[in-house]
Amino acid sequence: MVIKEEEVQDELSGSPKKKVVAMHYFKGLGEQAAVNALSRVIREDSKLKEELETKGHYNKCKHYFLPKQMEILRKYLGDPDD
């Protein structure tokens, strides 16, 4: 199955679910493993975590990312499908 770029952008626009974002960053992992990997990256990158918390109002318990949080993630991690 080929996923079109427009479908990916729609899936990641607005306030996407954390598991959807994680699956795009960690394609080779299962859903929960991808979420765990993304959470670990955020936890271990102090600059990323600080910016998410101060500018993006990040809450690790939420199941979605706000648009500002997605912008910060892209700044530090690049586009999810690169």
N, C-alpha and C. Protein backbone atom coordinates (compact mmCIF):
# COMPACT_ATOMS: atom_id res chain seq x y z
N MET A 1 0.84 -1.18 0.00
CA MET A 1 0.00 0.00 0.00
C MET A 1 0.88 1.24 0.00
N VAL A 2 0.64 2.14 -0.90
CA VAL A 2 1.40 3.37 -1.00
C VAL A 2 0.60 4.49 -0.34
N ILE A 3 1.25 5.19 0.58
CA ILE A 3 0.60 6.30 1.26
C ILE A 3 1.01 7.58 0.58
N LYS A 4 0.04 8.36 0.16
CA LYS A 4 0.32 9.61 -0.52
C LYS A 4 0.72 10.67 0.49
N GLU A 5 1.57 11.60 0.05
CA GLU A 5 2.06 12.66 0.94
C GLU A 5 0.91 13.48 1.51
N GLU A 6 -0.14 13.71 0.73
CA GLU A 6 -1.29 14.48 1.22
C GLU A 6 -1.94 13.77 2.40
N GLU A 7 -2.03 12.44 2.34
CA GLU A 7 -2.63 11.67 3.42
C GLU A 7 -1.80 11.79 4.69
N VAL A 8 -0.49 11.77 4.53
CA VAL A 8 0.41 11.90 5.67
C VAL A 8 0.25 13.27 6.30
N GLN A 9 0.21 14.32 5.47
CA GLN A 9 0.06 15.68 5.99
C GLN A 9 -1.26 15.82 6.72
N ASP A 10 -2.35 15.26 6.18
CA ASP A 10 -3.64 15.32 6.84
C ASP A 10 -3.59 14.61 8.19
N GLU A 11 -2.93 13.47 8.22
CA GLU A 11 -2.83 12.67 9.43
C GLU A 11 -2.04 13.40 10.52
N LEU A 12 -1.07 14.23 10.12
CA LEU A 12 -0.20 14.92 11.07
C LEU A 12 -0.60 16.38 11.28
N SER A 13 -1.66 16.84 10.65
CA SER A 13 -2.05 18.24 10.80
C SER A 13 -2.95 18.40 12.02
N GLY A 14 -3.14 19.64 12.41
CA GLY A 14 -3.99 19.92 13.57
C GLY A 14 -3.35 19.43 14.85
N SER A 15 -4.07 18.61 15.58
CA SER A 15 -3.57 18.04 16.84
C SER A 15 -3.57 16.51 16.71
N PRO A 16 -2.52 15.97 16.07
CA PRO A 16 -2.50 14.52 15.84
C PRO A 16 -2.28 13.72 17.13
N LYS A 17 -2.76 12.51 17.11
CA LYS A 17 -2.55 11.62 18.25
C LYS A 17 -1.07 11.30 18.38
N LYS A 18 -0.64 11.14 19.61
CA LYS A 18 0.76 10.84 19.90
C LYS A 18 1.19 9.54 19.20
N LYS A 19 0.32 8.54 19.19
CA LYS A 19 0.69 7.26 18.58
C LYS A 19 0.87 7.39 17.07
N VAL A 20 0.09 8.27 16.43
CA VAL A 20 0.23 8.49 14.99
C VAL A 20 1.57 9.14 14.69
N VAL A 21 1.92 10.16 15.46
CA VAL A 21 3.20 10.84 15.27
C VAL A 21 4.35 9.86 15.52
N ALA A 22 4.25 9.10 16.59
CA ALA A 22 5.30 8.13 16.93
C ALA A 22 5.50 7.10 15.82
N MET A 23 4.40 6.63 15.24
CA MET A 23 4.50 5.63 14.17
C MET A 23 5.17 6.21 12.93
N HIS A 24 5.04 7.51 12.70
CA HIS A 24 5.71 8.15 11.57
C HIS A 24 7.20 8.33 11.83
N TYR A 25 7.58 8.61 13.07
CA TYR A 25 9.00 8.76 13.41
C TYR A 25 9.70 7.40 13.53
N PHE A 26 9.00 6.39 14.01
CA PHE A 26 9.60 5.08 14.25
C PHE A 26 8.82 4.01 13.49
N LYS A 27 9.02 4.00 12.18
CA LYS A 27 8.25 3.14 11.28
C LYS A 27 8.43 1.65 11.53
N GLY A 28 9.59 1.25 11.96
CA GLY A 28 9.86 -0.18 12.11
C GLY A 28 9.34 -0.78 13.41
N LEU A 29 8.73 0.04 14.26
CA LEU A 29 8.28 -0.45 15.56
C LEU A 29 6.77 -0.58 15.59
N GLY A 30 6.29 -1.38 16.51
CA GLY A 30 4.86 -1.47 16.74
C GLY A 30 4.36 -0.19 17.40
N GLU A 31 3.06 -0.07 17.51
CA GLU A 31 2.45 1.16 18.01
C GLU A 31 2.97 1.55 19.40
N GLN A 32 2.87 0.67 20.37
CA GLN A 32 3.30 1.01 21.74
C GLN A 32 4.80 1.22 21.82
N ALA A 33 5.58 0.42 21.11
CA ALA A 33 7.03 0.59 21.11
C ALA A 33 7.42 1.94 20.50
N ALA A 34 6.69 2.37 19.47
CA ALA A 34 6.96 3.66 18.85
C ALA A 34 6.65 4.80 19.82
N VAL A 35 5.53 4.71 20.52
CA VAL A 35 5.18 5.73 21.52
C VAL A 35 6.24 5.77 22.62
N ASN A 36 6.66 4.61 23.07
CA ASN A 36 7.71 4.55 24.10
C ASN A 36 9.00 5.17 23.61
N ALA A 37 9.37 4.89 22.35
CA ALA A 37 10.60 5.44 21.78
C ALA A 37 10.53 6.96 21.68
N LEU A 38 9.41 7.48 21.21
CA LEU A 38 9.25 8.94 21.10
C LEU A 38 9.28 9.57 22.49
N SER A 39 8.62 8.97 23.45
CA SER A 39 8.63 9.49 24.82
C SER A 39 10.04 9.50 25.39
N ARG A 40 10.80 8.45 25.09
CA ARG A 40 12.18 8.37 25.56
C ARG A 40 13.04 9.47 24.94
N VAL A 41 12.86 9.71 23.64
CA VAL A 41 13.62 10.78 22.96
C VAL A 41 13.31 12.12 23.60
N ILE A 42 12.04 12.39 23.87
CA ILE A 42 11.65 13.66 24.50
C ILE A 42 12.24 13.76 25.90
N ARG A 43 12.15 12.69 26.66
CA ARG A 43 12.64 12.67 28.04
C ARG A 43 14.15 12.88 28.11
N GLU A 44 14.88 12.28 27.16
CA GLU A 44 16.35 12.33 27.21
C GLU A 44 16.96 13.56 26.55
N ASP A 45 16.21 14.28 25.72
CA ASP A 45 16.72 15.50 25.09
C ASP A 45 16.23 16.69 25.92
N SER A 46 17.10 17.17 26.80
CA SER A 46 16.69 18.21 27.76
C SER A 46 16.23 19.50 27.08
N LYS A 47 16.87 19.87 25.99
CA LYS A 47 16.47 21.10 25.28
C LYS A 47 15.09 20.93 24.64
N LEU A 48 14.88 19.79 24.00
CA LEU A 48 13.58 19.51 23.39
C LEU A 48 12.50 19.49 24.46
N LYS A 49 12.73 18.77 25.54
CA LYS A 49 11.75 18.66 26.61
C LYS A 49 11.44 20.02 27.22
N GLU A 50 12.47 20.82 27.47
CA GLU A 50 12.27 22.14 28.06
C GLU A 50 11.44 23.04 27.14
N GLU A 51 11.76 23.04 25.85
CA GLU A 51 11.01 23.88 24.91
C GLU A 51 9.57 23.40 24.78
N LEU A 52 9.37 22.09 24.75
CA LEU A 52 8.00 21.57 24.70
C LEU A 52 7.20 22.01 25.93
N GLU A 53 7.84 21.96 27.09
CA GLU A 53 7.14 22.30 28.32
C GLU A 53 6.89 23.81 28.45
N THR A 54 7.87 24.62 28.08
CA THR A 54 7.73 26.07 28.27
C THR A 54 6.96 26.76 27.15
N LYS A 55 7.21 26.37 25.92
CA LYS A 55 6.55 27.04 24.80
C LYS A 55 5.36 26.25 24.25
N GLY A 56 5.37 24.95 24.43
CA GLY A 56 4.34 24.11 23.83
C GLY A 56 3.31 23.57 24.81
N HIS A 57 3.48 23.89 26.11
CA HIS A 57 2.54 23.41 27.14
C HIS A 57 2.41 21.89 27.10
N TYR A 58 3.55 21.21 26.97
CA TYR A 58 3.58 19.76 26.85
C TYR A 58 3.17 19.08 28.16
N ASN A 59 2.33 18.09 28.05
CA ASN A 59 1.92 17.26 29.17
C ASN A 59 2.09 15.81 28.71
N LYS A 60 3.01 15.09 29.34
CA LYS A 60 3.32 13.73 28.89
C LYS A 60 2.13 12.78 28.96
N CYS A 61 1.11 13.14 29.73
CA CYS A 61 -0.05 12.26 29.88
C CYS A 61 -1.11 12.45 28.78
N LYS A 62 -1.00 13.51 28.01
CA LYS A 62 -1.96 13.75 26.93
C LYS A 62 -1.70 12.78 25.79
N HIS A 63 -2.73 12.46 25.05
CA HIS A 63 -2.63 11.49 23.97
C HIS A 63 -2.54 12.14 22.60
N TYR A 64 -2.29 13.43 22.57
CA TYR A 64 -2.19 14.14 21.30
C TYR A 64 -1.15 15.26 21.43
N PHE A 65 -0.71 15.78 20.29
CA PHE A 65 0.21 16.90 20.26
C PHE A 65 -0.52 18.12 19.71
N LEU A 66 -0.32 19.26 20.34
CA LEU A 66 -0.85 20.52 19.84
C LEU A 66 -0.01 20.98 18.64
N PRO A 67 -0.56 21.86 17.79
CA PRO A 67 0.21 22.34 16.64
C PRO A 67 1.58 22.93 17.02
N LYS A 68 1.63 23.69 18.11
CA LYS A 68 2.91 24.28 18.55
C LYS A 68 3.89 23.17 18.95
N GLN A 69 3.40 22.13 19.57
CA GLN A 69 4.25 21.00 19.95
C GLN A 69 4.80 20.29 18.71
N MET A 70 3.96 20.15 17.69
CA MET A 70 4.42 19.54 16.43
C MET A 70 5.51 20.38 15.79
N GLU A 71 5.35 21.69 15.84
CA GLU A 71 6.36 22.60 15.30
C GLU A 71 7.69 22.41 16.03
N ILE A 72 7.65 22.28 17.34
CA ILE A 72 8.87 22.07 18.13
C ILE A 72 9.48 20.70 17.83
N LEU A 73 8.65 19.68 17.73
CA LEU A 73 9.17 18.34 17.39
C LEU A 73 9.88 18.36 16.04
N ARG A 74 9.29 19.02 15.06
CA ARG A 74 9.92 19.10 13.74
C ARG A 74 11.24 19.86 13.80
N LYS A 75 11.30 20.88 14.64
CA LYS A 75 12.53 21.67 14.79
C LYS A 75 13.68 20.78 15.29
N TYR A 76 13.39 19.92 16.25
CA TYR A 76 14.43 19.09 16.86
C TYR A 76 14.63 17.74 16.15
N LEU A 77 13.56 17.16 15.66
CA LEU A 77 13.64 15.80 15.10
C LEU A 77 13.49 15.73 13.59
N GLY A 78 13.17 16.86 12.96
CA GLY A 78 12.93 16.86 11.52
C GLY A 78 11.50 16.41 11.24
N ASP A 79 11.15 16.38 9.96
CA ASP A 79 9.82 15.91 9.59
C ASP A 79 9.70 14.42 9.89
N PRO A 80 8.55 13.99 10.35
CA PRO A 80 8.37 12.59 10.74
C PRO A 80 8.69 11.57 9.66
N ASP A 81 8.49 11.90 8.43
CA ASP A 81 8.69 10.90 7.37
C ASP A 81 9.96 11.08 6.56
N ASP A 82 10.89 11.87 7.07
CA ASP A 82 12.18 12.04 6.35
C ASP A 82 13.13 10.93 6.66
